């Protein structure tokens, strides 16, 4: 009986396969369906669900913002906080996103980025961690 010195017995494959995503595959969270699914699970507050002059304290990963709702259905707010709003600034709060091109209008969502327009600037915040109604809203507008 001849033996082959190069043969060996193994209990499985001798090499590891790395599964790489095709460059043509879009991550689920970046699809419209994935975005809609994430929005349905997100805690948050709709701008049209609060009265005008309601003030919110929104904490993001990097900053704290005080947002006074001026005209809910037109997205008009006064905002102060973070690097871009050191002083009370009139802005439009467009809504929340996952950081891509899909945006949930009139919405501040926990775990999502806020998107503002102020003057010619478009500002996207870090992820929202919490939202609270400011109890001192009647004493100062912003």
N, C-alpha and C. Protein backbone atom coordinates (compact mmCIF):
# COMPACT_ATOMS: atom_id res chain seq x y z
N UNK A 1 0.85 -1.15 0.00
CA UNK A 1 0.00 0.00 0.00
C UNK A 1 0.89 1.22 0.00
N UNK A 2 0.69 2.03 -0.95
CA UNK A 2 1.51 3.22 -1.09
C UNK A 2 0.93 4.33 -0.24
N UNK A 3 1.82 5.11 0.34
CA UNK A 3 1.34 6.25 1.13
C UNK A 3 1.78 7.55 0.48
N UNK A 4 0.92 8.52 0.62
CA UNK A 4 1.22 9.83 0.06
C UNK A 4 1.59 10.74 1.23
N UNK A 5 2.83 11.14 1.30
CA UNK A 5 3.29 11.93 2.44
C UNK A 5 2.74 13.34 2.45
N UNK A 6 2.17 13.78 1.35
CA UNK A 6 1.64 15.14 1.32
C UNK A 6 0.19 15.20 1.75
N UNK A 7 -0.44 14.07 1.94
CA UNK A 7 -1.86 14.11 2.32
C UNK A 7 -1.99 14.22 3.83
N UNK A 8 -3.07 14.82 4.25
CA UNK A 8 -3.34 14.95 5.69
C UNK A 8 -4.83 14.87 5.90
N UNK A 9 -5.17 14.55 7.11
CA UNK A 9 -6.58 14.45 7.47
C UNK A 9 -6.95 15.69 8.25
N UNK A 10 -8.01 16.34 7.81
CA UNK A 10 -8.47 17.54 8.52
C UNK A 10 -9.94 17.37 8.87
N UNK A 11 -10.35 18.13 9.82
CA UNK A 11 -11.74 18.03 10.25
C UNK A 11 -12.63 19.07 9.58
N UNK A 12 -12.10 19.83 8.69
CA UNK A 12 -12.89 20.86 8.02
C UNK A 12 -12.03 21.62 7.05
N UNK A 13 -12.54 22.68 6.52
CA UNK A 13 -11.77 23.46 5.57
C UNK A 13 -10.50 24.01 6.22
N UNK A 14 -9.46 24.09 5.43
CA UNK A 14 -8.18 24.56 5.96
C UNK A 14 -8.00 26.05 5.79
N UNK A 15 -8.92 26.73 5.15
CA UNK A 15 -8.81 28.17 5.00
C UNK A 15 -10.14 28.82 5.37
N UNK A 16 -10.07 30.10 5.74
CA UNK A 16 -11.26 30.84 6.16
C UNK A 16 -11.76 31.69 5.01
N UNK A 17 -13.04 31.68 4.84
CA UNK A 17 -13.65 32.54 3.84
C UNK A 17 -14.11 33.82 4.50
N UNK A 18 -13.71 34.91 3.96
CA UNK A 18 -14.17 36.20 4.45
C UNK A 18 -15.33 36.62 3.57
N UNK A 19 -16.47 36.83 4.19
CA UNK A 19 -17.65 37.25 3.44
C UNK A 19 -17.63 38.76 3.34
N UNK A 20 -17.45 39.25 2.18
CA UNK A 20 -17.44 40.69 1.96
C UNK A 20 -18.70 41.08 1.21
N UNK A 21 -19.22 42.22 1.58
CA UNK A 21 -20.41 42.74 0.93
C UNK A 21 -20.02 43.24 -0.45
N UNK A 22 -20.85 42.93 -1.40
CA UNK A 22 -20.64 43.42 -2.75
C UNK A 22 -20.71 44.94 -2.73
N UNK A 23 -19.90 45.61 -3.52
CA UNK A 23 -19.97 47.08 -3.54
C UNK A 23 -21.31 47.59 -4.07
N UNK A 24 -22.09 46.71 -4.69
CA UNK A 24 -23.40 47.10 -5.21
C UNK A 24 -24.51 46.98 -4.18
N UNK A 25 -24.23 46.40 -3.01
CA UNK A 25 -25.25 46.21 -1.98
C UNK A 25 -25.29 47.44 -1.07
N UNK A 26 -26.48 47.99 -0.89
CA UNK A 26 -26.68 49.16 -0.05
C UNK A 26 -27.08 48.68 1.34
N UNK A 27 -26.44 49.20 2.39
CA UNK A 27 -26.85 48.80 3.75
C UNK A 27 -28.34 49.09 3.95
N UNK A 28 -29.02 48.20 4.65
CA UNK A 28 -30.47 48.30 4.83
C UNK A 28 -30.89 49.64 5.40
N UNK A 29 -30.15 50.18 6.35
CA UNK A 29 -30.53 51.44 6.97
C UNK A 29 -30.47 52.60 5.99
N UNK A 30 -29.79 52.41 4.86
CA UNK A 30 -29.68 53.46 3.84
C UNK A 30 -30.75 53.34 2.75
N UNK A 31 -31.64 52.37 2.89
CA UNK A 31 -32.73 52.24 1.93
C UNK A 31 -33.97 52.92 2.47
N UNK A 32 -34.90 53.22 1.59
CA UNK A 32 -36.14 53.85 2.03
C UNK A 32 -36.90 52.95 3.01
N UNK A 33 -36.93 51.66 2.72
CA UNK A 33 -37.62 50.72 3.61
C UNK A 33 -36.91 50.66 4.97
N UNK A 34 -35.60 50.61 4.97
CA UNK A 34 -34.84 50.58 6.22
C UNK A 34 -35.03 51.85 7.02
N UNK A 35 -35.06 52.99 6.33
CA UNK A 35 -35.28 54.27 6.99
C UNK A 35 -36.67 54.32 7.63
N UNK A 36 -37.68 53.90 6.87
CA UNK A 36 -39.05 53.90 7.39
C UNK A 36 -39.16 52.98 8.61
N UNK A 37 -38.49 51.85 8.55
CA UNK A 37 -38.50 50.91 9.68
C UNK A 37 -37.86 51.53 10.91
N UNK A 38 -36.72 52.20 10.73
CA UNK A 38 -36.03 52.86 11.84
C UNK A 38 -36.89 53.98 12.43
N UNK A 39 -37.56 54.73 11.58
CA UNK A 39 -38.41 55.84 12.05
C UNK A 39 -39.59 55.32 12.86
N UNK A 40 -40.11 54.17 12.48
CA UNK A 40 -41.26 53.63 13.21
C UNK A 40 -40.89 53.18 14.62
N UNK A 41 -39.60 52.92 14.85
CA UNK A 41 -39.13 52.48 16.17
C UNK A 41 -38.55 53.61 17.00
N UNK A 42 -38.30 54.77 16.38
CA UNK A 42 -37.61 55.86 17.07
C UNK A 42 -38.54 56.61 18.02
N UNK A 43 -38.05 56.88 19.22
CA UNK A 43 -38.76 57.75 20.15
C UNK A 43 -38.47 59.18 19.73
N UNK A 44 -39.45 60.04 19.89
CA UNK A 44 -39.22 61.42 19.52
C UNK A 44 -40.46 62.27 19.67
N UNK A 45 -40.39 63.44 19.06
CA UNK A 45 -41.49 64.39 19.16
C UNK A 45 -41.65 65.10 17.83
N UNK A 46 -42.90 65.22 17.41
CA UNK A 46 -43.21 65.96 16.19
C UNK A 46 -43.37 67.43 16.50
N UNK A 47 -42.83 68.28 15.65
CA UNK A 47 -42.96 69.72 15.88
C UNK A 47 -44.42 70.17 15.90
N UNK A 48 -45.23 69.56 15.06
CA UNK A 48 -46.65 69.95 15.00
C UNK A 48 -47.44 69.41 16.18
N UNK A 49 -46.82 68.59 17.00
CA UNK A 49 -47.50 68.04 18.18
C UNK A 49 -47.28 68.89 19.43
N UNK A 50 -46.51 69.96 19.31
CA UNK A 50 -46.28 70.85 20.45
C UNK A 50 -46.77 72.25 20.10
N UNK A 51 -47.10 73.02 21.13
CA UNK A 51 -47.58 74.38 20.92
C UNK A 51 -46.43 75.31 20.56
N UNK A 52 -46.77 76.39 19.87
CA UNK A 52 -45.79 77.43 19.60
C UNK A 52 -45.24 77.94 20.92
N UNK A 53 -44.00 78.30 20.93
CA UNK A 53 -43.25 78.82 22.08
C UNK A 53 -42.93 77.76 23.13
N UNK A 54 -43.14 76.51 22.78
CA UNK A 54 -42.65 75.42 23.63
C UNK A 54 -41.14 75.38 23.47
N UNK A 55 -40.43 75.25 24.57
CA UNK A 55 -38.97 75.17 24.52
C UNK A 55 -38.54 73.75 24.87
N UNK A 56 -37.64 73.22 24.08
CA UNK A 56 -37.13 71.87 24.27
C UNK A 56 -35.64 71.92 24.57
N UNK A 57 -35.18 71.01 25.40
CA UNK A 57 -33.75 70.81 25.62
C UNK A 57 -33.41 69.49 24.95
N UNK A 58 -32.57 69.57 23.93
CA UNK A 58 -32.20 68.39 23.16
C UNK A 58 -30.71 68.13 23.39
N UNK A 59 -30.41 66.98 23.94
CA UNK A 59 -29.02 66.59 24.18
C UNK A 59 -28.59 65.64 23.08
N UNK A 60 -27.48 65.99 22.44
CA UNK A 60 -26.91 65.11 21.43
C UNK A 60 -25.64 64.51 22.00
N UNK A 61 -24.98 63.70 21.21
CA UNK A 61 -23.73 63.09 21.67
C UNK A 61 -22.69 64.15 22.00
N UNK A 62 -22.68 65.26 21.26
CA UNK A 62 -21.63 66.27 21.44
C UNK A 62 -22.08 67.59 22.05
N UNK A 63 -23.39 67.86 22.10
CA UNK A 63 -23.84 69.19 22.51
C UNK A 63 -25.21 69.14 23.19
N UNK A 64 -25.59 70.30 23.72
CA UNK A 64 -26.93 70.49 24.26
C UNK A 64 -27.52 71.69 23.52
N UNK A 65 -28.75 71.53 23.04
CA UNK A 65 -29.43 72.60 22.31
C UNK A 65 -30.71 72.97 23.03
N UNK A 66 -30.99 74.26 23.09
CA UNK A 66 -32.27 74.75 23.58
C UNK A 66 -33.01 75.24 22.36
N UNK A 67 -34.14 74.62 22.06
CA UNK A 67 -34.89 74.90 20.84
C UNK A 67 -36.27 75.40 21.24
N UNK A 68 -36.59 76.62 20.83
CA UNK A 68 -37.92 77.18 21.05
C UNK A 68 -38.68 77.11 19.74
N UNK A 69 -39.82 76.44 19.74
CA UNK A 69 -40.63 76.28 18.55
C UNK A 69 -41.40 77.58 18.32
N UNK A 70 -41.19 78.22 17.17
CA UNK A 70 -41.91 79.45 16.86
C UNK A 70 -43.18 79.16 16.07
N UNK A 71 -43.03 78.57 14.91
CA UNK A 71 -44.16 78.23 14.04
C UNK A 71 -44.02 76.76 13.66
N UNK A 72 -44.69 75.87 14.37
CA UNK A 72 -44.49 74.43 14.16
C UNK A 72 -44.66 73.96 12.72
N UNK A 73 -45.73 74.36 12.04
CA UNK A 73 -45.99 73.85 10.69
C UNK A 73 -45.04 74.43 9.63
N UNK A 74 -44.28 75.48 9.98
CA UNK A 74 -43.30 76.04 9.05
C UNK A 74 -41.87 75.73 9.49
N UNK A 75 -41.72 74.92 10.53
CA UNK A 75 -40.41 74.46 11.01
C UNK A 75 -39.55 75.59 11.59
N UNK A 76 -40.13 76.72 11.92
CA UNK A 76 -39.37 77.85 12.41
C UNK A 76 -39.09 77.71 13.90
N UNK A 77 -37.81 77.86 14.25
CA UNK A 77 -37.39 77.72 15.64
C UNK A 77 -36.35 78.78 15.98
N UNK A 78 -36.15 78.98 17.27
CA UNK A 78 -34.98 79.67 17.78
C UNK A 78 -34.12 78.58 18.41
N UNK A 79 -32.84 78.58 18.12
CA UNK A 79 -31.97 77.52 18.64
C UNK A 79 -30.69 78.14 19.20
N UNK A 80 -30.24 77.56 20.30
CA UNK A 80 -28.98 77.96 20.90
C UNK A 80 -28.29 76.71 21.41
N UNK A 81 -26.98 76.61 21.12
CA UNK A 81 -26.20 75.47 21.59
C UNK A 81 -25.27 74.94 20.53
N UNK A 82 -24.37 74.11 20.95
CA UNK A 82 -23.42 73.53 20.02
C UNK A 82 -22.47 74.58 19.45
N UNK A 83 -21.64 74.16 18.54
CA UNK A 83 -20.65 75.04 17.93
C UNK A 83 -21.28 76.08 17.01
N UNK A 84 -22.33 75.71 16.30
CA UNK A 84 -22.89 76.59 15.28
C UNK A 84 -23.92 77.58 15.81
N UNK A 85 -24.40 77.38 17.01
CA UNK A 85 -25.42 78.27 17.57
C UNK A 85 -25.02 78.77 18.95
N UNK A 86 -23.92 79.53 19.05
CA UNK A 86 -23.51 80.02 20.38
C UNK A 86 -24.50 81.04 20.94
N UNK A 87 -25.20 81.74 20.05
CA UNK A 87 -26.23 82.70 20.46
C UNK A 87 -27.57 82.22 19.91
N UNK A 88 -28.62 82.70 20.50
CA UNK A 88 -29.97 82.36 20.05
C UNK A 88 -30.10 82.77 18.57
N UNK A 89 -30.43 81.80 17.72
CA UNK A 89 -30.45 82.02 16.27
C UNK A 89 -31.76 81.52 15.70
N UNK A 90 -32.33 82.30 14.80
CA UNK A 90 -33.54 81.86 14.09
C UNK A 90 -33.11 80.86 13.02
N UNK A 91 -33.82 79.73 12.95
CA UNK A 91 -33.46 78.68 12.01
C UNK A 91 -34.70 77.90 11.60
N UNK A 92 -34.52 77.04 10.63
CA UNK A 92 -35.57 76.10 10.24
C UNK A 92 -35.09 74.71 10.64
N UNK A 93 -35.88 74.02 11.46
CA UNK A 93 -35.55 72.66 11.85
C UNK A 93 -36.29 71.74 10.88
N UNK A 94 -35.55 71.20 9.93
CA UNK A 94 -36.19 70.40 8.88
C UNK A 94 -36.70 69.07 9.39
N UNK A 95 -35.93 68.43 10.26
CA UNK A 95 -36.35 67.13 10.79
C UNK A 95 -35.16 66.31 11.23
N UNK A 96 -35.33 64.99 11.20
CA UNK A 96 -34.29 64.05 11.66
C UNK A 96 -33.95 63.05 10.57
N UNK A 97 -32.70 62.61 10.61
CA UNK A 97 -32.25 61.63 9.62
C UNK A 97 -31.27 60.65 10.27
N UNK A 98 -30.94 59.64 9.52
CA UNK A 98 -29.89 58.69 9.94
C UNK A 98 -28.53 59.16 9.46
N UNK A 99 -28.49 60.33 8.86
CA UNK A 99 -27.25 60.86 8.33
C UNK A 99 -27.15 60.70 6.83
N UNK A 100 -28.17 60.16 6.21
CA UNK A 100 -28.19 60.00 4.76
C UNK A 100 -29.13 61.00 4.12
N UNK A 101 -29.68 60.64 2.99
CA UNK A 101 -30.53 61.57 2.26
C UNK A 101 -32.00 61.49 2.66
N UNK A 102 -32.41 60.49 3.42
CA UNK A 102 -33.80 60.40 3.88
C UNK A 102 -33.99 61.24 5.13
N UNK A 103 -35.09 61.98 5.17
CA UNK A 103 -35.35 62.89 6.28
C UNK A 103 -36.79 62.75 6.72
N UNK A 104 -37.01 62.59 8.02
CA UNK A 104 -38.37 62.60 8.57
C UNK A 104 -38.66 64.04 8.95
N UNK A 105 -39.54 64.67 8.20
CA UNK A 105 -39.86 66.08 8.39
C UNK A 105 -40.56 66.31 9.72
N UNK A 106 -40.34 67.51 10.28
CA UNK A 106 -41.03 67.95 11.51
C UNK A 106 -40.80 67.02 12.69
N UNK A 107 -39.69 66.35 12.78
CA UNK A 107 -39.50 65.31 13.79
C UNK A 107 -38.14 65.48 14.45
N UNK A 108 -38.12 65.35 15.77
CA UNK A 108 -36.87 65.25 16.53
C UNK A 108 -36.86 63.85 17.09
N UNK A 109 -35.94 63.03 16.62
CA UNK A 109 -35.92 61.62 17.00
C UNK A 109 -34.68 61.22 17.77
N UNK A 110 -34.88 60.49 18.84
CA UNK A 110 -33.76 59.97 19.63
C UNK A 110 -32.98 58.97 18.78
N UNK A 111 -31.66 59.11 18.78
CA UNK A 111 -30.80 58.23 18.00
C UNK A 111 -30.55 58.74 16.59
N UNK A 112 -31.19 59.85 16.24
CA UNK A 112 -31.07 60.40 14.89
C UNK A 112 -30.34 61.74 14.91
N UNK A 113 -29.97 62.23 13.76
CA UNK A 113 -29.34 63.54 13.61
C UNK A 113 -30.42 64.59 13.35
N UNK A 114 -30.29 65.76 13.96
CA UNK A 114 -31.17 66.88 13.63
C UNK A 114 -30.58 67.61 12.44
N UNK A 115 -31.45 68.14 11.59
CA UNK A 115 -30.99 68.91 10.44
C UNK A 115 -31.63 70.29 10.48
N UNK A 116 -30.77 71.32 10.55
CA UNK A 116 -31.19 72.71 10.59
C UNK A 116 -30.73 73.44 9.34
N UNK A 117 -31.47 74.48 8.98
CA UNK A 117 -31.02 75.46 8.00
C UNK A 117 -31.06 76.81 8.70
N UNK A 118 -29.94 77.50 8.70
CA UNK A 118 -29.86 78.83 9.30
C UNK A 118 -29.08 79.71 8.33
N UNK A 119 -29.74 80.70 7.78
CA UNK A 119 -29.09 81.52 6.75
C UNK A 119 -28.75 80.63 5.56
N UNK A 120 -27.49 80.65 5.17
CA UNK A 120 -27.03 79.82 4.05
C UNK A 120 -26.40 78.51 4.53
N UNK A 121 -26.46 78.24 5.82
CA UNK A 121 -25.81 77.04 6.35
C UNK A 121 -26.81 75.92 6.58
N UNK A 122 -26.32 74.70 6.35
CA UNK A 122 -27.06 73.48 6.63
C UNK A 122 -26.28 72.79 7.74
N UNK A 123 -26.89 72.63 8.89
CA UNK A 123 -26.21 72.06 10.06
C UNK A 123 -26.84 70.73 10.41
N UNK A 124 -26.00 69.71 10.57
CA UNK A 124 -26.45 68.39 10.98
C UNK A 124 -25.78 68.09 12.31
N UNK A 125 -26.57 67.79 13.33
CA UNK A 125 -26.03 67.53 14.66
C UNK A 125 -25.54 66.09 14.79
N UNK A 126 -24.87 65.82 15.89
CA UNK A 126 -24.56 64.43 16.25
C UNK A 126 -25.87 63.78 16.71
N UNK A 127 -25.83 62.49 17.00
CA UNK A 127 -27.04 61.75 17.36
C UNK A 127 -27.72 62.32 18.61
N UNK A 128 -29.04 62.44 18.55
CA UNK A 128 -29.83 62.91 19.68
C UNK A 128 -29.86 61.81 20.74
N UNK A 129 -29.56 62.20 21.97
CA UNK A 129 -29.61 61.26 23.10
C UNK A 129 -30.87 61.41 23.94
N UNK A 130 -31.37 62.66 24.07
CA UNK A 130 -32.58 62.87 24.86
C UNK A 130 -33.27 64.16 24.44
N UNK A 131 -34.57 64.20 24.74
CA UNK A 131 -35.40 65.37 24.44
C UNK A 131 -36.26 65.62 25.68
N UNK A 132 -36.30 66.87 26.12
CA UNK A 132 -37.13 67.22 27.29
C UNK A 132 -37.75 68.59 27.07
N UNK A 133 -38.93 68.80 27.61
CA UNK A 133 -39.55 70.12 27.58
C UNK A 133 -38.86 70.95 28.67
N UNK A 134 -38.46 72.17 28.30
CA UNK A 134 -37.76 73.05 29.24
C UNK A 134 -38.79 73.72 30.17
N UNK A 135 -38.71 73.45 31.47
CA UNK A 135 -39.69 74.03 32.41
C UNK A 135 -39.53 75.53 32.57
N UNK A 136 -38.40 76.11 32.12
CA UNK A 136 -38.17 77.55 32.25
C UNK A 136 -38.58 78.31 31.00
N UNK A 137 -39.36 77.69 30.14
CA UNK A 137 -39.72 78.27 28.84
C UNK A 137 -40.39 79.63 28.95
N UNK A 138 -41.15 79.87 29.99
CA UNK A 138 -41.85 81.15 30.09
C UNK A 138 -40.92 82.28 30.51
N UNK A 139 -39.75 81.97 31.06
CA UNK A 139 -38.87 83.03 31.55
C UNK A 139 -37.86 83.51 30.53
N UNK A 140 -37.62 82.73 29.46
CA UNK A 140 -36.67 83.19 28.42
C UNK A 140 -36.99 82.46 27.10
N UNK A 141 -36.90 83.20 25.97
CA UNK A 141 -37.33 82.61 24.71
C UNK A 141 -36.35 81.65 24.07
N UNK A 142 -35.11 81.67 24.44
CA UNK A 142 -34.15 80.79 23.75
C UNK A 142 -33.15 80.17 24.66
